[in-house]
Amino acid sequence: MTKVKVQYLGFIKNLTKRGEDEFELRDNASLSDLLNKIAGVYGRPFVKDVYEPGHKDVKIGFVVTVNGVLTGQLKGINTQLNNGDNVILMSLMTGG
């Protein structure tokens, strides 16, 4: 099993009402597997605003990093996750 830590920042933190979660995934899981799992936990609000399972990326206005690297510089939602990875989901703009 692969254990991954997920941090939520900005809008997503307000949406989930949590700062972070830890998920167990099957070995060789991808970022899309993780996003699908998060969508299953947080339901319609997450799917509506952040990520819809089956789509090729998070919705406009959101970014994801894996171990500090933007997924656009990796393989997007097909990025393979490894045990101990740190994933951050955040909105591009966090108002102040």
PDB file of N, CA and C in Angstrom:
ATOM      1  N   MET A   1       0.838  -1.195   0.000  1.00  0.00           N
ATOM      2  CA  MET A   1       0.000   0.000   0.000  1.00  0.00           C
ATOM      3  C   MET A   1       0.874   1.247   0.000  1.00  0.00           C
ATOM      4  N   THR A   2       0.359   2.290  -0.600  1.00  0.00           N
ATOM      5  CA  THR A   2       1.037   3.575  -0.662  1.00  0.00           C
ATOM      6  C   THR A   2       0.282   4.562   0.214  1.00  0.00           C
ATOM      7  N   LYS A   3       1.001   5.183   1.147  1.00  0.00           N
ATOM      8  CA  LYS A   3       0.382   6.164   2.035  1.00  0.00           C
ATOM      9  C   LYS A   3       0.828   7.552   1.585  1.00  0.00           C
ATOM     10  N   VAL A   4      -0.145   8.440   1.352  1.00  0.00           N
ATOM     11  CA  VAL A   4       0.120   9.763   0.826  1.00  0.00           C
ATOM     12  C   VAL A   4      -0.522  10.807   1.739  1.00  0.00           C
ATOM     13  N   LYS A   5       0.222  11.872   2.019  1.00  0.00           N
ATOM     14  CA  LYS A   5      -0.309  12.980   2.819  1.00  0.00           C
ATOM     15  C   LYS A   5      -0.804  14.055   1.859  1.00  0.00           C
ATOM     16  N   VAL A   6      -2.016  14.567   2.121  1.00  0.00           N
ATOM     17  CA  VAL A   6      -2.609  15.599   1.275  1.00  0.00           C
ATOM     18  C   VAL A   6      -2.881  16.829   2.140  1.00  0.00           C
ATOM     19  N   GLN A   7      -2.377  17.968   1.682  1.00  0.00           N
ATOM     20  CA  GLN A   7      -2.640  19.234   2.360  1.00  0.00           C
ATOM     21  C   GLN A   7      -3.589  20.049   1.491  1.00  0.00           C
ATOM     22  N   TYR A   8      -4.536  20.730   2.143  1.00  0.00           N
ATOM     23  CA  TYR A   8      -5.497  21.574   1.444  1.00  0.00           C
ATOM     24  C   TYR A   8      -5.220  23.019   1.825  1.00  0.00           C
ATOM     25  N   LEU A   9      -5.129  23.880   0.812  1.00  0.00           N
ATOM     26  CA  LEU A   9      -4.878  25.298   1.058  1.00  0.00           C
ATOM     27  C   LEU A   9      -5.977  26.144   0.425  1.00  0.00           C
ATOM     28  N   GLY A  10      -6.196  27.328   0.996  1.00  0.00           N
ATOM     29  CA  GLY A  10      -7.133  28.298   0.426  1.00  0.00           C
ATOM     30  C   GLY A  10      -8.554  27.778   0.364  1.00  0.00           C
ATOM     31  N   PHE A  11      -9.181  27.969  -0.779  1.00  0.00           N
ATOM     32  CA  PHE A  11     -10.578  27.602  -0.985  1.00  0.00           C
ATOM     33  C   PHE A  11     -10.839  26.134  -0.656  1.00  0.00           C
ATOM     34  N   ILE A  12      -9.915  25.260  -1.049  1.00  0.00           N
ATOM     35  CA  ILE A  12     -10.127  23.821  -0.835  1.00  0.00           C
ATOM     36  C   ILE A  12     -10.133  23.493   0.659  1.00  0.00           C
ATOM     37  N   LYS A  13      -9.322  24.200   1.427  1.00  0.00           N
ATOM     38  CA  LYS A  13      -9.319  23.998   2.882  1.00  0.00           C
ATOM     39  C   LYS A  13     -10.681  24.374   3.459  1.00  0.00           C
ATOM     40  N   ASN A  14     -11.265  25.459   2.974  1.00  0.00           N
ATOM     41  CA  ASN A  14     -12.597  25.864   3.421  1.00  0.00           C
ATOM     42  C   ASN A  14     -13.659  24.856   2.991  1.00  0.00           C
ATOM     43  N   LEU A  15     -13.500  24.316   1.785  1.00  0.00           N
ATOM     44  CA  LEU A  15     -14.456  23.358   1.248  1.00  0.00           C
ATOM     45  C   LEU A  15     -14.438  22.053   2.051  1.00  0.00           C
ATOM     46  N   THR A  16     -13.247  21.552   2.361  1.00  0.00           N
ATOM     47  CA  THR A  16     -13.131  20.276   3.068  1.00  0.00           C
ATOM     48  C   THR A  16     -13.247  20.450   4.584  1.00  0.00           C
ATOM     49  N   LYS A  17     -13.076  21.689   5.039  1.00  0.00           N
ATOM     50  CA  LYS A  17     -13.056  22.000   6.474  1.00  0.00           C
ATOM     51  C   LYS A  17     -11.942  21.253   7.198  1.00  0.00           C
ATOM     52  N   ARG A  18     -10.878  20.968   6.458  1.00  0.00           N
ATOM     53  CA  ARG A  18      -9.703  20.280   7.007  1.00  0.00           C
ATOM     54  C   ARG A  18      -8.446  20.863   6.376  1.00  0.00           C
ATOM     55  N   GLY A  19      -7.364  20.818   7.108  1.00  0.00           N
ATOM     56  CA  GLY A  19      -6.090  21.277   6.571  1.00  0.00           C
ATOM     57  C   GLY A  19      -5.334  20.183   5.853  1.00  0.00           C
ATOM     58  N   GLU A  20      -5.592  18.922   6.277  1.00  0.00           N
ATOM     59  CA  GLU A  20      -4.889  17.816   5.626  1.00  0.00           C
ATOM     60  C   GLU A  20      -5.583  16.496   5.899  1.00  0.00           C
ATOM     61  N   ASP A  21      -5.236  15.528   5.086  1.00  0.00           N
ATOM     62  CA  ASP A  21      -5.715  14.147   5.205  1.00  0.00           C
ATOM     63  C   ASP A  21      -4.559  13.231   4.870  1.00  0.00           C
ATOM     64  N   GLU A  22      -4.716  11.973   5.228  1.00  0.00           N
ATOM     65  CA  GLU A  22      -3.765  10.957   4.794  1.00  0.00           C
ATOM     66  C   GLU A  22      -4.580   9.841   4.155  1.00  0.00           C
ATOM     67  N   PHE A  23      -4.153   9.405   2.977  1.00  0.00           N
ATOM     68  CA  PHE A  23      -4.879   8.375   2.245  1.00  0.00           C
ATOM     69  C   PHE A  23      -3.978   7.186   1.970  1.00  0.00           C
ATOM     70  N   GLU A  24      -4.563   5.994   2.009  1.00  0.00           N
ATOM     71  CA  GLU A  24      -3.868   4.789   1.586  1.00  0.00           C
ATOM     72  C   GLU A  24      -4.401   4.414   0.214  1.00  0.00           C
ATOM     73  N   LEU A  25      -3.471   4.194  -0.695  1.00  0.00           N
ATOM     74  CA  LEU A  25      -3.811   3.844  -2.071  1.00  0.00           C
ATOM     75  C   LEU A  25      -3.113   2.544  -2.429  1.00  0.00           C
ATOM     76  N   ARG A  26      -3.570   1.918  -3.492  1.00  0.00           N
ATOM     77  CA  ARG A  26      -2.879   0.717  -3.972  1.00  0.00           C
ATOM     78  C   ARG A  26      -1.497   1.109  -4.491  1.00  0.00           C
ATOM     79  N   ASP A  27      -0.583   0.172  -4.526  1.00  0.00           N
ATOM     80  CA  ASP A  27       0.740   0.450  -5.094  1.00  0.00           C
ATOM     81  C   ASP A  27       0.585   0.851  -6.554  1.00  0.00           C
ATOM     82  N   ASN A  28       1.483   1.696  -7.030  1.00  0.00           N
ATOM     83  CA  ASN A  28       1.465   2.223  -8.405  1.00  0.00           C
ATOM     84  C   ASN A  28       0.247   3.086  -8.697  1.00  0.00           C
ATOM     85  N   ALA A  29      -0.371   3.649  -7.658  1.00  0.00           N
ATOM     86  CA  ALA A  29      -1.528   4.525  -7.855  1.00  0.00           C
ATOM     87  C   ALA A  29      -1.065   5.839  -8.482  1.00  0.00           C
ATOM     88  N   SER A  30      -1.982   6.467  -9.203  1.00  0.00           N
ATOM     89  CA  SER A  30      -1.684   7.753  -9.836  1.00  0.00           C
ATOM     90  C   SER A  30      -2.414   8.871  -9.087  1.00  0.00           C
ATOM     91  N   LEU A  31      -2.078  10.087  -9.453  1.00  0.00           N
ATOM     92  CA  LEU A  31      -2.748  11.241  -8.861  1.00  0.00           C
ATOM     93  C   LEU A  31      -4.255  11.187  -9.123  1.00  0.00           C
ATOM     94  N   SER A  32      -4.658  10.700 -10.289  1.00  0.00           N
ATOM     95  CA  SER A  32      -6.100  10.605 -10.569  1.00  0.00           C
ATOM     96  C   SER A  32      -6.782   9.646  -9.592  1.00  0.00           C
ATOM     97  N   ASP A  33      -6.106   8.562  -9.195  1.00  0.00           N
ATOM     98  CA  ASP A  33      -6.670   7.648  -8.205  1.00  0.00           C
ATOM     99  C   ASP A  33      -6.900   8.380  -6.884  1.00  0.00           C
ATOM    100  N   LEU A  34      -5.930   9.199  -6.499  1.00  0.00           N
ATOM    101  CA  LEU A  34      -6.049   9.967  -5.258  1.00  0.00           C
ATOM    102  C   LEU A  34      -7.191  10.982  -5.356  1.00  0.00           C
ATOM    103  N   LEU A  35      -7.255  11.711  -6.469  1.00  0.00           N
ATOM    104  CA  LEU A  35      -8.311  12.715  -6.648  1.00  0.00           C
ATOM    105  C   LEU A  35      -9.689  12.066  -6.640  1.00  0.00           C
ATOM    106  N   ASN A  36      -9.810  10.877  -7.241  1.00  0.00           N
ATOM    107  CA  ASN A  36     -11.076  10.148  -7.219  1.00  0.00           C
ATOM    108  C   ASN A  36     -11.460   9.786  -5.792  1.00  0.00           C
ATOM    109  N   LYS A  37     -10.468   9.386  -5.000  1.00  0.00           N
ATOM    110  CA  LYS A  37     -10.718   9.015  -3.607  1.00  0.00           C
ATOM    111  C   LYS A  37     -11.164  10.246  -2.805  1.00  0.00           C
ATOM    112  N   ILE A  38     -10.484  11.371  -3.025  1.00  0.00           N
ATOM    113  CA  ILE A  38     -10.863  12.609  -2.329  1.00  0.00           C
ATOM    114  C   ILE A  38     -12.282  13.017  -2.727  1.00  0.00           C
ATOM    115  N   ALA A  39     -12.609  12.899  -4.019  1.00  0.00           N
ATOM    116  CA  ALA A  39     -13.957  13.228  -4.497  1.00  0.00           C
ATOM    117  C   ALA A  39     -14.990  12.334  -3.825  1.00  0.00           C
ATOM    118  N   GLY A  40     -14.637  11.068  -3.591  1.00  0.00           N
ATOM    119  CA  GLY A  40     -15.542  10.147  -2.909  1.00  0.00           C
ATOM    120  C   GLY A  40     -15.785  10.538  -1.465  1.00  0.00           C
ATOM    121  N   VAL A  41     -14.761  11.092  -0.824  1.00  0.00           N
ATOM    122  CA  VAL A  41     -14.883  11.494   0.579  1.00  0.00           C
ATOM    123  C   VAL A  41     -15.674  12.796   0.717  1.00  0.00           C
ATOM    124  N   TYR A  42     -15.358  13.790  -0.112  1.00  0.00           N
ATOM    125  CA  TYR A  42     -15.943  15.125   0.053  1.00  0.00           C
ATOM    126  C   TYR A  42     -17.137  15.392  -0.853  1.00  0.00           C
ATOM    127  N   GLY A  43     -17.401  14.485  -1.774  1.00  0.00           N
ATOM    128  CA  GLY A  43     -18.640  14.517  -2.538  1.00  0.00           C
ATOM    129  C   GLY A  43     -18.838  15.681  -3.485  1.00  0.00           C
ATOM    130  N   ARG A  44     -20.102  16.004  -3.662  1.00  0.00           N
ATOM    131  CA  ARG A  44     -20.525  16.950  -4.689  1.00  0.00           C
ATOM    132  C   ARG A  44     -19.802  18.295  -4.679  1.00  0.00           C
ATOM    133  N   PRO A  45     -19.610  18.953  -3.526  1.00  0.00           N
ATOM    134  CA  PRO A  45     -18.920  20.249  -3.571  1.00  0.00           C
ATOM    135  C   PRO A  45     -17.510  20.142  -4.182  1.00  0.00           C
ATOM    136  N   PHE A  46     -16.779  19.092  -3.839  1.00  0.00           N
ATOM    137  CA  PHE A  46     -15.430  18.907  -4.376  1.00  0.00           C
ATOM    138  C   PHE A  46     -15.489  18.622  -5.875  1.00  0.00           C
ATOM    139  N   VAL A  47     -16.416  17.743  -6.260  1.00  0.00           N
ATOM    140  CA  VAL A  47     -16.569  17.384  -7.679  1.00  0.00           C
ATOM    141  C   VAL A  47     -16.983  18.606  -8.495  1.00  0.00           C
ATOM    142  N   LYS A  48     -17.904  19.397  -7.966  1.00  0.00           N
ATOM    143  CA  LYS A  48     -18.424  20.557  -8.682  1.00  0.00           C
ATOM    144  C   LYS A  48     -17.348  21.628  -8.881  1.00  0.00           C
ATOM    145  N   ASP A  49     -16.548  21.870  -7.855  1.00  0.00           N
ATOM    146  CA  ASP A  49     -15.622  23.001  -7.899  1.00  0.00           C
ATOM    147  C   ASP A  49     -14.172  22.647  -8.214  1.00  0.00           C
ATOM    148  N   VAL A  50     -13.718  21.443  -7.847  1.00  0.00           N
ATOM    149  CA  VAL A  50     -12.282  21.162  -7.909  1.00  0.00           C
ATOM    150  C   VAL A  50     -11.907  20.093  -8.934  1.00  0.00           C
ATOM    151  N   TYR A  51     -12.484  18.923  -8.827  1.00  0.00           N
ATOM    152  CA  TYR A  51     -12.087  17.823  -9.719  1.00  0.00           C
ATOM    153  C   TYR A  51     -13.256  16.891  -9.958  1.00  0.00           C
ATOM    154  N   GLU A  52     -13.536  16.654 -11.229  1.00  0.00           N
ATOM    155  CA  GLU A  52     -14.597  15.727 -11.603  1.00  0.00           C
ATOM    156  C   GLU A  52     -13.965  14.435 -12.095  1.00  0.00           C
ATOM    157  N   PRO A  53     -14.227  13.302 -11.403  1.00  0.00           N
ATOM    158  CA  PRO A  53     -13.639  12.032 -11.836  1.00  0.00           C
ATOM    159  C   PRO A  53     -13.865  11.778 -13.320  1.00  0.00           C
ATOM    160  N   GLY A  54     -12.819  11.288 -13.970  1.00  0.00           N
ATOM    161  CA  GLY A  54     -12.885  11.024 -15.400  1.00  0.00           C
ATOM    162  C   GLY A  54     -12.315  12.149 -16.248  1.00  0.00           C
ATOM    163  N   HIS A  55     -12.133  13.323 -15.676  1.00  0.00           N
ATOM    164  CA  HIS A  55     -11.558  14.439 -16.423  1.00  0.00           C
ATOM    165  C   HIS A  55     -10.037  14.356 -16.417  1.00  0.00           C
ATOM    166  N   LYS A  56      -9.407  15.110 -17.302  1.00  0.00           N
ATOM    167  CA  LYS A  56      -7.967  15.005 -17.485  1.00  0.00           C
ATOM    168  C   LYS A  56      -7.153  15.934 -16.594  1.00  0.00           C
ATOM    169  N   ASP A  57      -7.815  16.760 -15.794  1.00  0.00           N
ATOM    170  CA  ASP A  57      -7.084  17.685 -14.919  1.00  0.00           C
ATOM    171  C   ASP A  57      -8.039  18.243 -13.871  1.00  0.00           C
ATOM    172  N   VAL A  58      -7.461  18.922 -12.884  1.00  0.00           N
ATOM    173  CA  VAL A  58      -8.305  19.640 -11.932  1.00  0.00           C
ATOM    174  C   VAL A  58      -8.940  20.816 -12.677  1.00  0.00           C
ATOM    175  N   LYS A  59      -9.976  21.380 -12.106  1.00  0.00           N
ATOM    176  CA  LYS A  59     -10.681  22.470 -12.776  1.00  0.00           C
ATOM    177  C   LYS A  59      -9.844  23.747 -12.788  1.00  0.00           C
ATOM    178  N   ILE A  60     -10.172  24.640 -13.693  1.00  0.00           N
ATOM    179  CA  ILE A  60      -9.445  25.908 -13.828  1.00  0.00           C
ATOM    180  C   ILE A  60      -9.473  26.653 -12.507  1.00  0.00           C
ATOM    181  N   GLY A  61      -8.326  27.190 -12.128  1.00  0.00           N
ATOM    182  CA  GLY A  61      -8.230  27.943 -10.888  1.00  0.00           C
ATOM    183  C   GLY A  61      -7.609  27.152  -9.754  1.00  0.00           C
ATOM    184  N   PHE A  62      -7.280  25.872 -10.021  1.00  0.00           N
ATOM    185  CA  PHE A  62      -6.678  25.029  -8.993  1.00  0.00           C
ATOM    186  C   PHE A  62      -5.391  24.404  -9.504  1.00  0.00           C
ATOM    187  N   VAL A  63      -4.466  24.181  -8.589  1.00  0.00           N
ATOM    188  CA  VAL A  63      -3.212  23.508  -8.943  1.00  0.00           C
ATOM    189  C   VAL A  63      -2.929  22.433  -7.903  1.00  0.00           C
ATOM    190  N   VAL A  64      -2.129  21.466  -8.339  1.00  0.00           N
ATOM    191  CA  VAL A  64      -1.717  20.367  -7.468  1.00  0.00           C
ATOM    192  C   VAL A  64      -0.204  20.251  -7.555  1.00  0.00           C
ATOM    193  N   THR A  65       0.439  20.055  -6.408  1.00  0.00           N
ATOM    194  CA  THR A  65       1.865  19.760  -6.406  1.00  0.00           C
ATOM    195  C   THR A  65       2.081  18.395  -5.758  1.00  0.00           C
ATOM    196  N   VAL A  66       3.108  17.711  -6.229  1.00  0.00           N
ATOM    197  CA  VAL A  66       3.547  16.454  -5.614  1.00  0.00           C
ATOM    198  C   VAL A  66       4.987  16.668  -5.189  1.00  0.00           C
ATOM    199  N   ASN A  67       5.221  16.622  -3.901  1.00  0.00           N
ATOM    200  CA  ASN A  67       6.551  16.865  -3.339  1.00  0.00           C
ATOM    201  C   ASN A  67       7.119  18.204  -3.814  1.00  0.00           C
ATOM    202  N   GLY A  68       6.249  19.218  -3.881  1.00  0.00           N
ATOM    203  CA  GLY A  68       6.678  20.568  -4.218  1.00  0.00           C
ATOM    204  C   GLY A  68       6.793  20.875  -5.697  1.00  0.00           C
ATOM    205  N   VAL A  69       6.495  19.901  -6.559  1.00  0.00           N
ATOM    206  CA  VAL A  69       6.602  20.109  -8.010  1.00  0.00           C
ATOM    207  C   VAL A  69       5.189  20.170  -8.599  1.00  0.00           C
ATOM    208  N   LEU A  70       4.922  21.230  -9.377  1.00  0.00           N
ATOM    209  CA  LEU A  70       3.621  21.340 -10.040  1.00  0.00           C
ATOM    210  C   LEU A  70       3.393  20.150 -10.959  1.00  0.00           C
ATOM    211  N   THR A  71       2.188  19.609 -10.926  1.00  0.00           N
ATOM    212  CA  THR A  71       1.919  18.421 -11.740  1.00  0.00           C
ATOM    213  C   THR A  71       2.031  18.710 -13.232  1.00  0.00           C
ATOM    214  N   GLY A  72       1.922  19.976 -13.625  1.00  0.00           N
ATOM    215  CA  GLY A  72       2.132  20.338 -15.025  1.00  0.00           C
ATOM    216  C   GLY A  72       3.555  20.059 -15.485  1.00  0.00           C
ATOM    217  N   GLN A  73       4.485  20.009 -14.532  1.00  0.00           N
ATOM    218  CA  GLN A  73       5.880  19.700 -14.847  1.00  0.00           C
ATOM    219  C   GLN A  73       6.149  18.200 -14.711  1.00  0.00           C
ATOM    220  N   LEU A  74       5.151  17.458 -14.253  1.00  0.00           N
ATOM    221  CA  LEU A  74       5.261  16.004 -14.120  1.00  0.00           C
ATOM    222  C   LEU A  74       4.393  15.376 -15.197  1.00  0.00           C
ATOM    223  N   LYS A  75       3.565  14.423 -14.849  1.00  0.00           N
ATOM    224  CA  LYS A  75       2.688  13.777 -15.829  1.00  0.00           C
ATOM    225  C   LYS A  75       1.222  14.093 -15.557  1.00  0.00           C
ATOM    226  N   GLY A  76       0.969  15.288 -15.009  1.00  0.00           N
ATOM    227  CA  GLY A  76      -0.413  15.682 -14.727  1.00  0.00           C
ATOM    228  C   GLY A  76      -1.071  14.717 -13.769  1.00  0.00           C
ATOM    229  N   ILE A  77      -2.358  14.401 -14.031  1.00  0.00           N
ATOM    230  CA  ILE A  77      -3.059  13.497 -13.116  1.00  0.00           C
ATOM    231  C   ILE A  77      -2.600  12.049 -13.287  1.00  0.00           C
ATOM    232  N   ASN A  78      -1.755  11.793 -14.292  1.00  0.00           N
ATOM    233  CA  ASN A  78      -1.192  10.451 -14.459  1.00  0.00           C
ATOM    234  C   ASN A  78       0.105  10.266 -13.677  1.00  0.00           C
ATOM    235  N   THR A  79       0.519  11.289 -12.926  1.00  0.00           N
ATOM    236  CA  THR A  79       1.724  11.205 -12.116  1.00  0.00           C
ATOM    237  C   THR A  79       1.583  10.056 -11.126  1.00  0.00           C
ATOM    238  N   GLN A  80       2.569   9.173 -11.108  1.00  0.00           N
ATOM    239  CA  GLN A  80       2.539   8.055 -10.165  1.00  0.00           C
ATOM    240  C   GLN A  80       2.905   8.548  -8.770  1.00  0.00           C
ATOM    241  N   LEU A  81       2.191   8.061  -7.782  1.00  0.00           N
ATOM    242  CA  LEU A  81       2.457   8.436  -6.398  1.00  0.00           C
ATOM    243  C   LEU A  81       3.218   7.328  -5.692  1.00  0.00           C
ATOM    244  N   ASN A  82       4.093   7.732  -4.795  1.00  0.00           N
ATOM    245  CA  ASN A  82       4.903   6.789  -4.037  1.00  0.00           C
ATOM    246  C   ASN A  82       4.633   6.946  -2.548  1.00  0.00           C
ATOM    247  N   ASN A  83       4.919   5.914  -1.795  1.00  0.00           N
ATOM    248  CA  ASN A  83       4.728   5.950  -0.356  1.00  0.00           C
ATOM    249  C   ASN A  83       5.458   7.152   0.240  1.00  0.00           C
ATOM    250  N   GLY A  84       4.751   7.920   1.064  1.00  0.00           N
ATOM    251  CA  GLY A  84       5.362   9.071   1.723  1.00  0.00           C
ATOM    252  C   GLY A  84       5.283  10.365   0.938  1.00  0.00           C
ATOM    253  N   ASP A  85       4.699  10.340  -0.272  1.00  0.00           N
ATOM    254  CA  ASP A  85       4.580  11.570  -1.058  1.00  0.00           C
ATOM    255  C   ASP A  85       3.701  12.585  -0.333  1.00  0.00           C
ATOM    256  N   ASN A  86       3.998  13.857  -0.590  1.00  0.00           N
ATOM    257  CA  ASN A  86       3.229  14.957  -0.030  1.00  0.00           C
ATOM    258  C   ASN A  86       2.555  15.694  -1.184  1.00  0.00           C
ATOM    259  N   VAL A  87       1.232  15.683  -1.192  1.00  0.00           N
ATOM    260  CA  VAL A  87       0.441  16.309  -2.248  1.00  0.00           C
ATOM    261  C   VAL A  87      -0.241  17.543  -1.666  1.00  0.00           C
ATOM    262  N   ILE A  88      -0.170  18.649  -2.404  1.00  0.00           N
ATOM    263  CA  ILE A  88      -0.850  19.877  -1.975  1.00  0.00           C
ATOM    264  C   ILE A  88      -1.870  20.258  -3.037  1.00  0.00           C
ATOM    265  N   LEU A  89      -3.110  20.476  -2.599  1.00  0.00           N
ATOM    266  CA  LEU A  89      -4.187  20.965  -3.469  1.00  0.00           C
ATOM    267  C   LEU A  89      -4.476  22.390  -3.055  1.00  0.00           C
ATOM    268  N   MET A  90      -4.443  23.308  -4.024  1.00  0.00           N
ATOM    269  CA  MET A  90      -4.699  24.700  -3.676  1.00  0.00           C
ATOM    270  C   MET A  90      -5.336  25.459  -4.824  1.00  0.00           C
ATOM    271  N   SER A  91      -5.990  26.539  -4.462  1.00  0.00           N
ATOM    272  CA  SER A  91      -6.533  27.437  -5.474  1.00  0.00           C
ATOM    273  C   SER A  91      -5.403  28.377  -5.898  1.00  0.00           C
ATOM    274  N   LEU A  92      -5.451  28.817  -7.162  1.00  0.00           N
ATOM    275  CA  LEU A  92      -4.411  29.701  -7.671  1.00  0.00           C
ATOM    276  C   LEU A  92      -4.403  31.033  -6.941  1.00  0.00           C
ATOM    277  N   MET A  93      -5.587  31.532  -6.633  1.00  0.00           N
ATOM    278  CA  MET A  93      -5.653  32.812  -5.922  1.00  0.00           C
ATOM    279  C   MET A  93      -6.370  32.599  -4.605  1.00  0.00           C
ATOM    280  N   THR A  94      -5.739  33.038  -3.549  1.00  0.00           N
ATOM    281  CA  THR A  94      -6.396  33.010  -2.259  1.00  0.00           C
ATOM    282  C   THR A  94      -6.572  34.457  -1.824  1.00  0.00           C
ATOM    283  N   GLY A  95      -7.803  34.884  -1.850  1.00  0.00           N
ATOM    284  CA  GLY A  95      -8.106  36.285  -1.508  1.00  0.00           C
ATOM    285  C   GLY A  95      -7.672  36.646  -0.101  1.00  0.00           C
ATOM    286  N   GLY A  96      -7.560  37.926   0.159  1.00  0.00           N
ATOM    287  CA  GLY A  96      -7.063  38.298   1.462  1.00  0.00           C
ATOM    288  C   GLY A  96      -7.779  39.399   2.097  1.00  0.00           C
TER     289      GLY A  96
END
